[in-house]
C-alpha atoms as a PDB file:
ATOM      1  CA  MET A   1      22.388 -15.571  73.942  1.00  0.00           C
ATOM      2  CA  ASP A   2      18.730 -16.263  73.250  1.00  0.00           C
ATOM      3  CA  PRO A   3      17.918 -19.612  71.805  1.00  0.00           C
ATOM      4  CA  LEU A   4      17.099 -19.808  67.974  1.00  0.00           C
ATOM      5  CA  VAL A   5      13.369 -19.576  67.901  1.00  0.00           C
ATOM      6  CA  ARG A   6      11.164 -17.562  65.626  1.00  0.00           C
ATOM      7  CA  PRO A   7       9.293 -15.012  67.866  1.00  0.00           C
ATOM      8  CA  ARG A   8       5.585 -14.517  67.656  1.00  0.00           C
ATOM      9  CA  ASN A   9       5.987 -10.754  67.756  1.00  0.00           C
ATOM     10  CA  GLY A  10       8.010  -8.572  65.381  1.00  0.00           C
ATOM     11  CA  ARG A  11       7.696 -10.854  62.243  1.00  0.00           C
ATOM     12  CA  VAL A  12       7.653  -9.559  58.827  1.00  0.00           C
ATOM     13  CA  ILE A  13       7.331 -12.604  56.865  1.00  0.00           C
ATOM     14  CA  ALA A  14       8.342 -15.708  58.993  1.00  0.00           C
ATOM     15  CA  GLY A  15      10.483 -14.371  61.735  1.00  0.00           C
ATOM     16  CA  VAL A  16      13.564 -15.948  60.550  1.00  0.00           C
ATOM     17  CA  CYS A  17      15.747 -12.743  60.377  1.00  0.00           C
ATOM     18  CA  ARG A  18      14.334 -11.776  63.770  1.00  0.00           C
ATOM     19  CA  ALA A  19      15.384 -15.211  65.219  1.00  0.00           C
ATOM     20  CA  VAL A  20      18.966 -14.914  63.816  1.00  0.00           C
ATOM     21  CA  ALA A  21      19.325 -11.057  65.167  1.00  0.00           C
ATOM     22  CA  ASN A  22      18.002 -12.211  68.590  1.00  0.00           C
ATOM     23  CA  ARG A  23      20.287 -15.224  68.718  1.00  0.00           C
ATOM     24  CA  PHE A  24      23.392 -13.362  67.811  1.00  0.00           C
ATOM     25  CA  GLY A  25      22.486  -9.987  69.411  1.00  0.00           C
ATOM     26  CA  TRP A  26      22.514  -8.100  66.129  1.00  0.00           C
ATOM     27  CA  SER A  27      20.101  -5.400  65.035  1.00  0.00           C
ATOM     28  CA  THR A  28      17.094  -6.978  63.333  1.00  0.00           C
ATOM     29  CA  THR A  29      17.306  -4.242  60.517  1.00  0.00           C
ATOM     30  CA  LEU A  30      20.852  -5.294  59.715  1.00  0.00           C
ATOM     31  CA  VAL A  31      19.953  -8.840  59.395  1.00  0.00           C
ATOM     32  CA  ARG A  32      16.936  -8.028  57.212  1.00  0.00           C
ATOM     33  CA  VAL A  33      19.050  -5.803  54.862  1.00  0.00           C
ATOM     34  CA  LEU A  34      21.768  -8.444  54.607  1.00  0.00           C
ATOM     35  CA  ALA A  35      19.093 -11.113  53.705  1.00  0.00           C
ATOM     36  CA  VAL A  36      17.563  -8.966  50.827  1.00  0.00           C
ATOM     37  CA  LEU A  37      21.011  -8.313  49.641  1.00  0.00           C
ATOM     38  CA  ALA A  38      21.832 -12.005  49.657  1.00  0.00           C
ATOM     39  CA  VAL A  39      18.573 -12.929  47.826  1.00  0.00           C
ATOM     40  CA  LEU A  40      19.331 -10.230  45.257  1.00  0.00           C
ATOM     41  CA  PHE A  41      22.834 -11.236  44.677  1.00  0.00           C
ATOM     42  CA  ALA A  42      22.737 -14.985  45.245  1.00  0.00           C
ATOM     43  CA  GLY A  43      19.431 -16.634  44.474  1.00  0.00           C
ATOM     44  CA  LEU A  44      20.472 -19.711  46.522  1.00  0.00           C
ATOM     45  CA  SER A  45      20.006 -17.635  49.547  1.00  0.00           C
ATOM     46  CA  LEU A  46      16.196 -17.754  49.137  1.00  0.00           C
ATOM     47  CA  TRP A  47      16.309 -21.398  49.679  1.00  0.00           C
ATOM     48  CA  ALA A  48      18.267 -21.065  52.691  1.00  0.00           C
ATOM     49  CA  TYR A  49      15.721 -18.778  54.124  1.00  0.00           C
ATOM     50  CA  VAL A  50      12.918 -21.244  53.354  1.00  0.00           C
ATOM     51  CA  LEU A  51      14.905 -23.947  54.896  1.00  0.00           C
ATOM     52  CA  LEU A  52      15.509 -21.887  58.163  1.00  0.00           C
ATOM     53  CA  TRP A  53      11.763 -21.112  58.201  1.00  0.00           C
ATOM     54  CA  ILE A  54      11.115 -24.853  58.283  1.00  0.00           C
ATOM     55  CA  VAL A  55      13.837 -25.869  60.670  1.00  0.00           C
ATOM     56  CA  ILE A  56      13.715 -23.060  63.374  1.00  0.00           C
ATOM     57  CA  PRO A  57      10.898 -23.776  65.816  1.00  0.00           C
ATOM     58  CA  ASN A  58       8.253 -21.190  66.779  1.00  0.00           C
ATOM     59  CA  GLU A  59       8.491 -19.542  70.275  1.00  0.00           C
END
């Protein structure tokens, strides 16, 4: 497994979804879709995204 870091390439907003997808070996598209659905149906997920943006280091 790759370390949990936000890559410089392939970012859309902050690279959080890409970092999570790389770490767990999942599709980046799947993680992005799940993140959008989580924000739409559970507003607290937006806070989690921002927190991960701050906590996960850059590559």
